[in-house]
Amino acid sequence: MKGLPRVFRNSNTGVVKNNLEYYYSKDETLNTNLELDNDSMRPIIIKKKINDMFNSNSFVYKVNAIVTTSEGDKECVLIARNKDSLLTINNEKIFIKDILDIRKV
């Protein structure tokens, strides 16, 4: 280090222990499905699932889905979505706030 000017010299010549306390570990047992147990996250997860259905490459004009509400499961063909509701091919309106779970068939 005698040949380097003082600006380029490293004054810290001690042992660096910066990764003894911090590390990243990927847990292989993580559940990839979204859990719907948390009621505060339910509307966000439902809206994401709906957006994923309608934005997929397989969606042309309809999507076959099973919608779970408080009245039970219903298999239906969804053709449109609105800000607060879904429209089926039978001209039935399903409010998004009433949906407990939705999945593609």
PDB file of N, CA and C in Angstrom:
ATOM      1  N   MET A   1       0.818  -1.200   0.000  1.00  0.00           N
ATOM      2  CA  MET A   1       0.000   0.000   0.000  1.00  0.00           C
ATOM      3  C   MET A   1       0.855   1.254   0.000  1.00  0.00           C
ATOM      4  N   LYS A   2       2.117   1.070  -0.129  1.00  0.00           N
ATOM      5  CA  LYS A   2       2.986   2.224  -0.088  1.00  0.00           C
ATOM      6  C   LYS A   2       2.873   3.057  -1.355  1.00  0.00           C
ATOM      7  N   GLY A   3       2.520   2.405  -2.486  1.00  0.00           N
ATOM      8  CA  GLY A   3       2.485   3.117  -3.737  1.00  0.00           C
ATOM      9  C   GLY A   3       1.179   3.870  -3.984  1.00  0.00           C
ATOM     10  N   LEU A   4       0.141   3.623  -3.215  1.00  0.00           N
ATOM     11  CA  LEU A   4      -1.155   4.273  -3.442  1.00  0.00           C
ATOM     12  C   LEU A   4      -1.233   5.611  -2.715  1.00  0.00           C
ATOM     13  N   PRO A   5      -1.874   6.573  -3.325  1.00  0.00           N
ATOM     14  CA  PRO A   5      -2.103   7.822  -2.607  1.00  0.00           C
ATOM     15  C   PRO A   5      -3.062   7.578  -1.433  1.00  0.00           C
ATOM     16  N   ARG A   6      -3.084   8.479  -0.468  1.00  0.00           N
ATOM     17  CA  ARG A   6      -3.893   8.317   0.749  1.00  0.00           C
ATOM     18  C   ARG A   6      -5.391   8.229   0.449  1.00  0.00           C
ATOM     19  N   VAL A   7      -5.848   8.818  -0.630  1.00  0.00           N
ATOM     20  CA  VAL A   7      -7.268   8.813  -0.973  1.00  0.00           C
ATOM     21  C   VAL A   7      -7.741   7.398  -1.271  1.00  0.00           C
ATOM     22  N   PHE A   8      -6.904   6.588  -1.888  1.00  0.00           N
ATOM     23  CA  PHE A   8      -7.296   5.257  -2.308  1.00  0.00           C
ATOM     24  C   PHE A   8      -6.943   4.169  -1.308  1.00  0.00           C
ATOM     25  N   ARG A   9      -6.361   4.518  -0.196  1.00  0.00           N
ATOM     26  CA  ARG A   9      -5.978   3.523   0.796  1.00  0.00           C
ATOM     27  C   ARG A   9      -7.180   3.110   1.627  1.00  0.00           C
ATOM     28  N   ASN A  10      -7.263   1.836   1.948  1.00  0.00           N
ATOM     29  CA  ASN A  10      -8.325   1.302   2.790  1.00  0.00           C
ATOM     30  C   ASN A  10      -7.858   1.356   4.235  1.00  0.00           C
ATOM     31  N   SER A  11      -8.531   2.145   5.029  1.00  0.00           N
ATOM     32  CA  SER A  11      -8.120   2.260   6.426  1.00  0.00           C
ATOM     33  C   SER A  11      -8.692   1.133   7.271  1.00  0.00           C
ATOM     34  N   ASN A  12      -9.719   0.458   6.796  1.00  0.00           N
ATOM     35  CA  ASN A  12     -10.326  -0.636   7.540  1.00  0.00           C
ATOM     36  C   ASN A  12      -9.677  -1.942   7.091  1.00  0.00           C
ATOM     37  N   THR A  13      -8.748  -2.435   7.889  1.00  0.00           N
ATOM     38  CA  THR A  13      -8.062  -3.673   7.543  1.00  0.00           C
ATOM     39  C   THR A  13      -8.427  -4.790   8.499  1.00  0.00           C
ATOM     40  N   GLY A  14      -9.452  -4.583   9.337  1.00  0.00           N
ATOM     41  CA  GLY A  14      -9.888  -5.601  10.283  1.00  0.00           C
ATOM     42  C   GLY A  14     -10.769  -6.651   9.617  1.00  0.00           C
ATOM     43  N   VAL A  15     -11.166  -7.627  10.388  1.00  0.00           N
ATOM     44  CA  VAL A  15     -12.014  -8.715   9.899  1.00  0.00           C
ATOM     45  C   VAL A  15     -13.454  -8.215   9.851  1.00  0.00           C
ATOM     46  N   VAL A  16     -14.098  -8.403   8.730  1.00  0.00           N
ATOM     47  CA  VAL A  16     -15.481  -7.977   8.557  1.00  0.00           C
ATOM     48  C   VAL A  16     -16.391  -9.134   8.943  1.00  0.00           C
ATOM     49  N   LYS A  17     -17.319  -8.866   9.861  1.00  0.00           N
ATOM     50  CA  LYS A  17     -18.253  -9.892  10.323  1.00  0.00           C
ATOM     51  C   LYS A  17     -19.685  -9.416  10.074  1.00  0.00           C
ATOM     52  N   ASN A  18     -19.983  -9.007   8.860  1.00  0.00           N
ATOM     53  CA  ASN A  18     -21.288  -8.426   8.606  1.00  0.00           C
ATOM     54  C   ASN A  18     -22.360  -9.456   8.282  1.00  0.00           C
ATOM     55  N   ASN A  19     -22.030 -10.688   8.003  1.00  0.00           N
ATOM     56  CA  ASN A  19     -23.067 -11.657   7.703  1.00  0.00           C
ATOM     57  C   ASN A  19     -23.146 -12.770   8.743  1.00  0.00           C
ATOM     58  N   LEU A  20     -22.717 -12.502   9.942  1.00  0.00           N
ATOM     59  CA  LEU A  20     -22.865 -13.479  11.011  1.00  0.00           C
ATOM     60  C   LEU A  20     -24.264 -13.426  11.605  1.00  0.00           C
ATOM     61  N   GLU A  21     -24.899 -12.266  11.623  1.00  0.00           N
ATOM     62  CA  GLU A  21     -26.216 -12.124  12.224  1.00  0.00           C
ATOM     63  C   GLU A  21     -27.335 -12.094  11.203  1.00  0.00           C
ATOM     64  N   TYR A  22     -27.064 -11.707   9.994  1.00  0.00           N
ATOM     65  CA  TYR A  22     -28.099 -11.558   8.973  1.00  0.00           C
ATOM     66  C   TYR A  22     -27.873 -12.559   7.859  1.00  0.00           C
ATOM     67  N   TYR A  23     -28.937 -13.253   7.505  1.00  0.00           N
ATOM     68  CA  TYR A  23     -28.862 -14.208   6.408  1.00  0.00           C
ATOM     69  C   TYR A  23     -30.249 -14.352   5.804  1.00  0.00           C
ATOM     70  N   TYR A  24     -30.305 -14.921   4.624  1.00  0.00           N
ATOM     71  CA  TYR A  24     -31.563 -15.167   3.940  1.00  0.00           C
ATOM     72  C   TYR A  24     -31.761 -16.666   3.833  1.00  0.00           C
ATOM     73  N   SER A  25     -32.937 -17.107   4.176  1.00  0.00           N
ATOM     74  CA  SER A  25     -33.253 -18.518   4.094  1.00  0.00           C
ATOM     75  C   SER A  25     -34.618 -18.677   3.459  1.00  0.00           C
ATOM     76  N   LYS A  26     -34.705 -19.491   2.444  1.00  0.00           N
ATOM     77  CA  LYS A  26     -35.987 -19.740   1.790  1.00  0.00           C
ATOM     78  C   LYS A  26     -36.608 -20.973   2.424  1.00  0.00           C
ATOM     79  N   ASP A  27     -37.800 -20.793   2.973  1.00  0.00           N
ATOM     80  CA  ASP A  27     -38.509 -21.900   3.598  1.00  0.00           C
ATOM     81  C   ASP A  27     -39.248 -22.664   2.511  1.00  0.00           C
ATOM     82  N   GLU A  28     -38.911 -23.924   2.329  1.00  0.00           N
ATOM     83  CA  GLU A  28     -39.526 -24.712   1.271  1.00  0.00           C
ATOM     84  C   GLU A  28     -40.922 -25.185   1.631  1.00  0.00           C
ATOM     85  N   THR A  29     -41.332 -24.998   2.868  1.00  0.00           N
ATOM     86  CA  THR A  29     -42.655 -25.460   3.283  1.00  0.00           C
ATOM     87  C   THR A  29     -43.694 -24.352   3.216  1.00  0.00           C
ATOM     88  N   LEU A  30     -43.363 -23.222   2.570  1.00  0.00           N
ATOM     89  CA  LEU A  30     -44.325 -22.138   2.453  1.00  0.00           C
ATOM     90  C   LEU A  30     -45.489 -22.578   1.584  1.00  0.00           C
ATOM     91  N   ASN A  31     -46.686 -22.179   1.977  1.00  0.00           N
ATOM     92  CA  ASN A  31     -47.872 -22.511   1.207  1.00  0.00           C
ATOM     93  C   ASN A  31     -47.998 -21.521   0.062  1.00  0.00           C
ATOM     94  N   THR A  32     -48.089 -22.019  -1.154  1.00  0.00           N
ATOM     95  CA  THR A  32     -48.168 -21.116  -2.293  1.00  0.00           C
ATOM     96  C   THR A  32     -49.575 -20.601  -2.514  1.00  0.00           C
ATOM     97  N   ASN A  33     -50.585 -21.284  -1.995  1.00  0.00           N
ATOM     98  CA  ASN A  33     -51.954 -20.793  -2.123  1.00  0.00           C
ATOM     99  C   ASN A  33     -52.187 -19.680  -1.127  1.00  0.00           C
ATOM    100  N   LEU A  34     -52.994 -18.721  -1.527  1.00  0.00           N
ATOM    101  CA  LEU A  34     -53.288 -17.604  -0.641  1.00  0.00           C
ATOM    102  C   LEU A  34     -54.271 -18.055   0.428  1.00  0.00           C
ATOM    103  N   GLU A  35     -53.941 -17.820   1.664  1.00  0.00           N
ATOM    104  CA  GLU A  35     -54.816 -18.189   2.757  1.00  0.00           C
ATOM    105  C   GLU A  35     -55.872 -17.118   2.944  1.00  0.00           C
ATOM    106  N   LEU A  36     -57.102 -17.537   3.134  1.00  0.00           N
ATOM    107  CA  LEU A  36     -58.208 -16.601   3.287  1.00  0.00           C
ATOM    108  C   LEU A  36     -58.681 -16.541   4.738  1.00  0.00           C
ATOM    109  N   ASP A  37     -57.794 -16.802   5.685  1.00  0.00           N
ATOM    110  CA  ASP A  37     -58.178 -16.789   7.087  1.00  0.00           C
ATOM    111  C   ASP A  37     -58.289 -15.377   7.639  1.00  0.00           C
ATOM    112  N   ASN A  38     -57.488 -14.474   7.161  1.00  0.00           N
ATOM    113  CA  ASN A  38     -57.471 -13.114   7.672  1.00  0.00           C
ATOM    114  C   ASN A  38     -58.584 -12.309   6.996  1.00  0.00           C
ATOM    115  N   ASP A  39     -59.578 -11.876   7.782  1.00  0.00           N
ATOM    116  CA  ASP A  39     -60.725 -11.169   7.216  1.00  0.00           C
ATOM    117  C   ASP A  39     -60.365  -9.800   6.667  1.00  0.00           C
ATOM    118  N   SER A  40     -59.338  -9.161   7.189  1.00  0.00           N
ATOM    119  CA  SER A  40     -58.973  -7.841   6.682  1.00  0.00           C
ATOM    120  C   SER A  40     -58.295  -7.932   5.315  1.00  0.00           C
ATOM    121  N   MET A  41     -57.686  -9.064   4.997  1.00  0.00           N
ATOM    122  CA  MET A  41     -57.022  -9.250   3.714  1.00  0.00           C
ATOM    123  C   MET A  41     -57.932  -9.893   2.671  1.00  0.00           C
ATOM    124  N   ARG A  42     -59.090 -10.406   3.080  1.00  0.00           N
ATOM    125  CA  ARG A  42     -59.971 -11.136   2.175  1.00  0.00           C
ATOM    126  C   ARG A  42     -60.379 -10.323   0.947  1.00  0.00           C
ATOM    127  N   PRO A  43     -60.845  -9.061   1.076  1.00  0.00           N
ATOM    128  CA  PRO A  43     -61.235  -8.314  -0.131  1.00  0.00           C
ATOM    129  C   PRO A  43     -60.082  -8.091  -1.107  1.00  0.00           C
ATOM    130  N   ILE A  44     -58.895  -7.888  -0.584  1.00  0.00           N
ATOM    131  CA  ILE A  44     -57.732  -7.660  -1.441  1.00  0.00           C
ATOM    132  C   ILE A  44     -57.379  -8.934  -2.200  1.00  0.00           C
ATOM    133  N   ILE A  45     -57.416 -10.065  -1.526  1.00  0.00           N
ATOM    134  CA  ILE A  45     -57.083 -11.339  -2.151  1.00  0.00           C
ATOM    135  C   ILE A  45     -58.136 -11.715  -3.184  1.00  0.00           C
ATOM    136  N   ILE A  46     -59.406 -11.494  -2.866  1.00  0.00           N
ATOM    137  CA  ILE A  46     -60.490 -11.800  -3.812  1.00  0.00           C
ATOM    138  C   ILE A  46     -60.349 -10.940  -5.069  1.00  0.00           C
ATOM    139  N   LYS A  47     -60.084  -9.644  -4.890  1.00  0.00           N
ATOM    140  CA  LYS A  47     -59.924  -8.766  -6.053  1.00  0.00           C
ATOM    141  C   LYS A  47     -58.724  -9.174  -6.897  1.00  0.00           C
ATOM    142  N   LYS A  48     -57.656  -9.627  -6.251  1.00  0.00           N
ATOM    143  CA  LYS A  48     -56.478 -10.085  -6.995  1.00  0.00           C
ATOM    144  C   LYS A  48     -56.801 -11.338  -7.786  1.00  0.00           C
ATOM    145  N   LYS A  49     -57.534 -12.269  -7.190  1.00  0.00           N
ATOM    146  CA  LYS A  49     -57.913 -13.479  -7.910  1.00  0.00           C
ATOM    147  C   LYS A  49     -58.797 -13.154  -9.114  1.00  0.00           C
ATOM    148  N   ILE A  50     -59.736 -12.231  -8.935  1.00  0.00           N
ATOM    149  CA  ILE A  50     -60.615 -11.831 -10.036  1.00  0.00           C
ATOM    150  C   ILE A  50     -59.804 -11.163 -11.144  1.00  0.00           C
ATOM    151  N   ASN A  51     -58.910 -10.279 -10.774  1.00  0.00           N
ATOM    152  CA  ASN A  51     -58.064  -9.614 -11.777  1.00  0.00           C
ATOM    153  C   ASN A  51     -57.200 -10.621 -12.527  1.00  0.00           C
ATOM    154  N   ASP A  52     -56.667 -11.603 -11.812  1.00  0.00           N
ATOM    155  CA  ASP A  52     -55.853 -12.623 -12.460  1.00  0.00           C
ATOM    156  C   ASP A  52     -56.670 -13.440 -13.455  1.00  0.00           C
ATOM    157  N   MET A  53     -57.936 -13.721 -13.118  1.00  0.00           N
ATOM    158  CA  MET A  53     -58.800 -14.480 -14.033  1.00  0.00           C
ATOM    159  C   MET A  53     -59.079 -13.697 -15.311  1.00  0.00           C
ATOM    160  N   PHE A  54     -59.445 -12.434 -15.151  1.00  0.00           N
ATOM    161  CA  PHE A  54     -59.828 -11.639 -16.308  1.00  0.00           C
ATOM    162  C   PHE A  54     -58.627 -11.127 -17.107  1.00  0.00           C
ATOM    163  N   ASN A  55     -57.456 -11.099 -16.521  1.00  0.00           N
ATOM    164  CA  ASN A  55     -56.268 -10.626 -17.232  1.00  0.00           C
ATOM    165  C   ASN A  55     -55.423 -11.755 -17.799  1.00  0.00           C
ATOM    166  N   SER A  56     -55.871 -13.006 -17.633  1.00  0.00           N
ATOM    167  CA  SER A  56     -55.083 -14.122 -18.128  1.00  0.00           C
ATOM    168  C   SER A  56     -55.189 -14.217 -19.642  1.00  0.00           C
ATOM    169  N   ASN A  57     -54.248 -14.905 -20.244  1.00  0.00           N
ATOM    170  CA  ASN A  57     -54.239 -15.073 -21.692  1.00  0.00           C
ATOM    171  C   ASN A  57     -55.365 -15.977 -22.174  1.00  0.00           C
ATOM    172  N   SER A  58     -55.893 -16.824 -21.299  1.00  0.00           N
ATOM    173  CA  SER A  58     -56.949 -17.745 -21.698  1.00  0.00           C
ATOM    174  C   SER A  58     -58.329 -17.082 -21.703  1.00  0.00           C
ATOM    175  N   PHE A  59     -58.445 -15.889 -21.134  1.00  0.00           N
ATOM    176  CA  PHE A  59     -59.737 -15.202 -21.112  1.00  0.00           C
ATOM    177  C   PHE A  59     -59.971 -14.493 -22.441  1.00  0.00           C
ATOM    178  N   VAL A  60     -61.044 -14.886 -23.132  1.00  0.00           N
ATOM    179  CA  VAL A  60     -61.426 -14.213 -24.359  1.00  0.00           C
ATOM    180  C   VAL A  60     -62.712 -13.441 -24.112  1.00  0.00           C
ATOM    181  N   TYR A  61     -63.789 -14.154 -23.742  1.00  0.00           N
ATOM    182  CA  TYR A  61     -65.031 -13.472 -23.434  1.00  0.00           C
ATOM    183  C   TYR A  61     -65.746 -14.081 -22.241  1.00  0.00           C
ATOM    184  N   LYS A  62     -65.266 -15.209 -21.728  1.00  0.00           N
ATOM    185  CA  LYS A  62     -65.885 -15.834 -20.562  1.00  0.00           C
ATOM    186  C   LYS A  62     -64.853 -16.635 -19.786  1.00  0.00           C
ATOM    187  N   VAL A  63     -65.166 -16.865 -18.529  1.00  0.00           N
ATOM    188  CA  VAL A  63     -64.305 -17.684 -17.688  1.00  0.00           C
ATOM    189  C   VAL A  63     -65.204 -18.553 -16.806  1.00  0.00           C
ATOM    190  N   ASN A  64     -64.905 -19.846 -16.773  1.00  0.00           N
ATOM    191  CA  ASN A  64     -65.649 -20.766 -15.912  1.00  0.00           C
ATOM    192  C   ASN A  64     -65.037 -20.702 -14.523  1.00  0.00           C
ATOM    193  N   ALA A  65     -65.891 -20.473 -13.527  1.00  0.00           N
ATOM    194  CA  ALA A  65     -65.385 -20.300 -12.172  1.00  0.00           C
ATOM    195  C   ALA A  65     -66.358 -20.893 -11.165  1.00  0.00           C
ATOM    196  N   ILE A  66     -65.826 -21.201  -9.997  1.00  0.00           N
ATOM    197  CA  ILE A  66     -66.639 -21.599  -8.855  1.00  0.00           C
ATOM    198  C   ILE A  66     -66.548 -20.464  -7.849  1.00  0.00           C
ATOM    199  N   VAL A  67     -67.696 -19.878  -7.549  1.00  0.00           N
ATOM    200  CA  VAL A  67     -67.774 -18.739  -6.640  1.00  0.00           C
ATOM    201  C   VAL A  67     -68.374 -19.230  -5.337  1.00  0.00           C
ATOM    202  N   THR A  68     -67.673 -18.987  -4.237  1.00  0.00           N
ATOM    203  CA  THR A  68     -68.164 -19.361  -2.921  1.00  0.00           C
ATOM    204  C   THR A  68     -68.676 -18.111  -2.218  1.00  0.00           C
ATOM    205  N   THR A  69     -69.946 -18.155  -1.834  1.00  0.00           N
ATOM    206  CA  THR A  69     -70.562 -17.074  -1.063  1.00  0.00           C
ATOM    207  C   THR A  69     -71.106 -17.663   0.223  1.00  0.00           C
ATOM    208  N   SER A  70     -71.784 -16.860   0.999  1.00  0.00           N
ATOM    209  CA  SER A  70     -72.376 -17.362   2.236  1.00  0.00           C
ATOM    210  C   SER A  70     -73.512 -18.339   1.949  1.00  0.00           C
ATOM    211  N   GLU A  71     -74.065 -18.300   0.744  1.00  0.00           N
ATOM    212  CA  GLU A  71     -75.133 -19.220   0.350  1.00  0.00           C
ATOM    213  C   GLU A  71     -74.591 -20.556  -0.139  1.00  0.00           C
ATOM    214  N   GLY A  72     -73.299 -20.661  -0.382  1.00  0.00           N
ATOM    215  CA  GLY A  72     -72.685 -21.905  -0.834  1.00  0.00           C
ATOM    216  C   GLY A  72     -71.887 -21.708  -2.107  1.00  0.00           C
ATOM    217  N   ASP A  73     -71.411 -22.838  -2.654  1.00  0.00           N
ATOM    218  CA  ASP A  73     -70.633 -22.810  -3.894  1.00  0.00           C
ATOM    219  C   ASP A  73     -71.575 -22.760  -5.089  1.00  0.00           C
ATOM    220  N   LYS A  74     -71.149 -22.023  -6.106  1.00  0.00           N
ATOM    221  CA  LYS A  74     -71.931 -21.919  -7.328  1.00  0.00           C
ATOM    222  C   LYS A  74     -70.979 -21.923  -8.514  1.00  0.00           C
ATOM    223  N   GLU A  75     -71.212 -22.866  -9.423  1.00  0.00           N
ATOM    224  CA  GLU A  75     -70.413 -22.897 -10.640  1.00  0.00           C
ATOM    225  C   GLU A  75     -71.098 -22.001 -11.659  1.00  0.00           C
ATOM    226  N   CYS A  76     -70.353 -21.051 -12.197  1.00  0.00           N
ATOM    227  CA  CYS A  76     -70.949 -20.105 -13.124  1.00  0.00           C
ATOM    228  C   CYS A  76     -69.933 -19.704 -14.182  1.00  0.00           C
ATOM    229  N   VAL A  77     -70.445 -19.063 -15.215  1.00  0.00           N
ATOM    230  CA  VAL A  77     -69.617 -18.558 -16.307  1.00  0.00           C
ATOM    231  C   VAL A  77     -69.608 -17.045 -16.202  1.00  0.00           C
ATOM    232  N   LEU A  78     -68.454 -16.494 -15.877  1.00  0.00           N
ATOM    233  CA  LEU A  78     -68.315 -15.049 -15.708  1.00  0.00           C
ATOM    234  C   LEU A  78     -67.956 -14.416 -17.043  1.00  0.00           C
ATOM    235  N   ILE A  79     -68.650 -13.319 -17.361  1.00  0.00           N
ATOM    236  CA  ILE A  79     -68.371 -12.657 -18.639  1.00  0.00           C
ATOM    237  C   ILE A  79     -67.883 -11.222 -18.470  1.00  0.00           C
ATOM    238  N   ALA A  80     -68.162 -10.609 -17.329  1.00  0.00           N
ATOM    239  CA  ALA A  80     -67.751  -9.216 -17.146  1.00  0.00           C
ATOM    240  C   ALA A  80     -67.567  -8.929 -15.665  1.00  0.00           C
ATOM    241  N   ARG A  81     -66.835  -7.868 -15.420  1.00  0.00           N
ATOM    242  CA  ARG A  81     -66.644  -7.401 -14.047  1.00  0.00           C
ATOM    243  C   ARG A  81     -66.866  -5.902 -14.011  1.00  0.00           C
ATOM    244  N   ASN A  82     -67.260  -5.456 -12.858  1.00  0.00           N
ATOM    245  CA  ASN A  82     -67.499  -4.058 -12.611  1.00  0.00           C
ATOM    246  C   ASN A  82     -66.661  -3.675 -11.405  1.00  0.00           C
ATOM    247  N   LYS A  83     -66.781  -2.464 -10.954  1.00  0.00           N
ATOM    248  CA  LYS A  83     -66.038  -2.020  -9.772  1.00  0.00           C
ATOM    249  C   LYS A  83     -66.437  -2.817  -8.534  1.00  0.00           C
ATOM    250  N   ASP A  84     -67.729  -3.155  -8.423  1.00  0.00           N
ATOM    251  CA  ASP A  84     -68.207  -3.819  -7.218  1.00  0.00           C
ATOM    252  C   ASP A  84     -68.946  -5.129  -7.474  1.00  0.00           C
ATOM    253  N   SER A  85     -69.008  -5.599  -8.723  1.00  0.00           N
ATOM    254  CA  SER A  85     -69.761  -6.818  -8.986  1.00  0.00           C
ATOM    255  C   SER A  85     -69.219  -7.563 -10.200  1.00  0.00           C
ATOM    256  N   LEU A  86     -69.668  -8.818 -10.326  1.00  0.00           N
ATOM    257  CA  LEU A  86     -69.361  -9.666 -11.466  1.00  0.00           C
ATOM    258  C   LEU A  86     -70.665  -9.993 -12.177  1.00  0.00           C
ATOM    259  N   LEU A  87     -70.607 -10.170 -13.482  1.00  0.00           N
ATOM    260  CA  LEU A  87     -71.784 -10.493 -14.267  1.00  0.00           C
ATOM    261  C   LEU A  87     -71.592 -11.865 -14.892  1.00  0.00           C
ATOM    262  N   THR A  88     -72.611 -12.724 -14.748  1.00  0.00           N
ATOM    263  CA  THR A  88     -72.543 -14.062 -15.315  1.00  0.00           C
ATOM    264  C   THR A  88     -73.200 -14.075 -16.682  1.00  0.00           C
ATOM    265  N   ILE A  89     -73.050 -15.203 -17.369  1.00  0.00           N
ATOM    266  CA  ILE A  89     -73.626 -15.338 -18.704  1.00  0.00           C
ATOM    267  C   ILE A  89     -75.154 -15.398 -18.635  1.00  0.00           C
ATOM    268  N   ASN A  90     -75.704 -15.753 -17.467  1.00  0.00           N
ATOM    269  CA  ASN A  90     -77.154 -15.799 -17.268  1.00  0.00           C
ATOM    270  C   ASN A  90     -77.705 -14.460 -16.794  1.00  0.00           C
ATOM    271  N   ASN A  91     -76.918 -13.422 -16.929  1.00  0.00           N
ATOM    272  CA  ASN A  91     -77.293 -12.060 -16.524  1.00  0.00           C
ATOM    273  C   ASN A  91     -77.559 -11.950 -15.020  1.00  0.00           C
ATOM    274  N   GLU A  92     -76.802 -12.710 -14.256  1.00  0.00           N
ATOM    275  CA  GLU A  92     -76.892 -12.659 -12.797  1.00  0.00           C
ATOM    276  C   GLU A  92     -75.754 -11.796 -12.271  1.00  0.00           C
ATOM    277  N   LYS A  93     -76.054 -10.976 -11.299  1.00  0.00           N
ATOM    278  CA  LYS A  93     -75.057 -10.078 -10.729  1.00  0.00           C
ATOM    279  C   LYS A  93     -74.588 -10.634  -9.384  1.00  0.00           C
ATOM    280  N   ILE A  94     -73.274 -10.787  -9.220  1.00  0.00           N
ATOM    281  CA  ILE A  94     -72.681 -11.272  -7.968  1.00  0.00           C
ATOM    282  C   ILE A  94     -71.824 -10.149  -7.419  1.00  0.00           C
ATOM    283  N   PHE A  95     -72.164  -9.677  -6.225  1.00  0.00           N
ATOM    284  CA  PHE A  95     -71.391  -8.602  -5.609  1.00  0.00           C
ATOM    285  C   PHE A  95     -70.077  -9.151  -5.062  1.00  0.00           C
ATOM    286  N   ILE A  96     -69.007  -8.420  -5.312  1.00  0.00           N
ATOM    287  CA  ILE A  96     -67.677  -8.853  -4.880  1.00  0.00           C
ATOM    288  C   ILE A  96     -67.576  -8.894  -3.359  1.00  0.00           C
ATOM    289  N   LYS A  97     -68.282  -8.015  -2.671  1.00  0.00           N
ATOM    290  CA  LYS A  97     -68.225  -8.001  -1.201  1.00  0.00           C
ATOM    291  C   LYS A  97     -68.846  -9.252  -0.592  1.00  0.00           C
ATOM    292  N   ASP A  98     -69.706  -9.960  -1.351  1.00  0.00           N
ATOM    293  CA  ASP A  98     -70.342 -11.180  -0.862  1.00  0.00           C
ATOM    294  C   ASP A  98     -69.520 -12.435  -1.127  1.00  0.00           C
ATOM    295  N   ILE A  99     -68.476 -12.321  -1.935  1.00  0.00           N
ATOM    296  CA  ILE A  99     -67.669 -13.479  -2.322  1.00  0.00           C
ATOM    297  C   ILE A  99     -66.694 -13.836  -1.206  1.00  0.00           C
ATOM    298  N   LEU A 100     -66.717 -15.115  -0.806  1.00  0.00           N
ATOM    299  CA  LEU A 100     -65.779 -15.608   0.196  1.00  0.00           C
ATOM    300  C   LEU A 100     -64.533 -16.222  -0.464  1.00  0.00           C
ATOM    301  N   ASP A 101     -64.728 -16.853  -1.612  1.00  0.00           N
ATOM    302  CA  ASP A 101     -63.611 -17.433  -2.362  1.00  0.00           C
ATOM    303  C   ASP A 101     -64.047 -17.576  -3.815  1.00  0.00           C
ATOM    304  N   ILE A 102     -63.086 -17.548  -4.702  1.00  0.00           N
ATOM    305  CA  ILE A 102     -63.357 -17.718  -6.128  1.00  0.00           C
ATOM    306  C   ILE A 102     -62.178 -18.461  -6.725  1.00  0.00           C
ATOM    307  N   ARG A 103     -62.493 -19.422  -7.594  1.00  0.00           N
ATOM    308  CA  ARG A 103     -61.424 -20.167  -8.258  1.00  0.00           C
ATOM    309  C   ARG A 103     -61.868 -20.555  -9.655  1.00  0.00           C
ATOM    310  N   LYS A 104     -60.890 -20.666 -10.512  1.00  0.00           N
ATOM    311  CA  LYS A 104     -61.131 -21.008 -11.913  1.00  0.00           C
ATOM    312  C   LYS A 104     -61.312 -22.515 -12.041  1.00  0.00           C
ATOM    313  N   VAL A 105     -62.242 -22.929 -12.911  1.00  0.00           N
ATOM    314  CA  VAL A 105     -62.482 -24.366 -13.133  1.00  0.00           C
ATOM    315  C   VAL A 105     -61.563 -24.841 -14.226  1.00  0.00           C
TER     316      VAL A 105
END
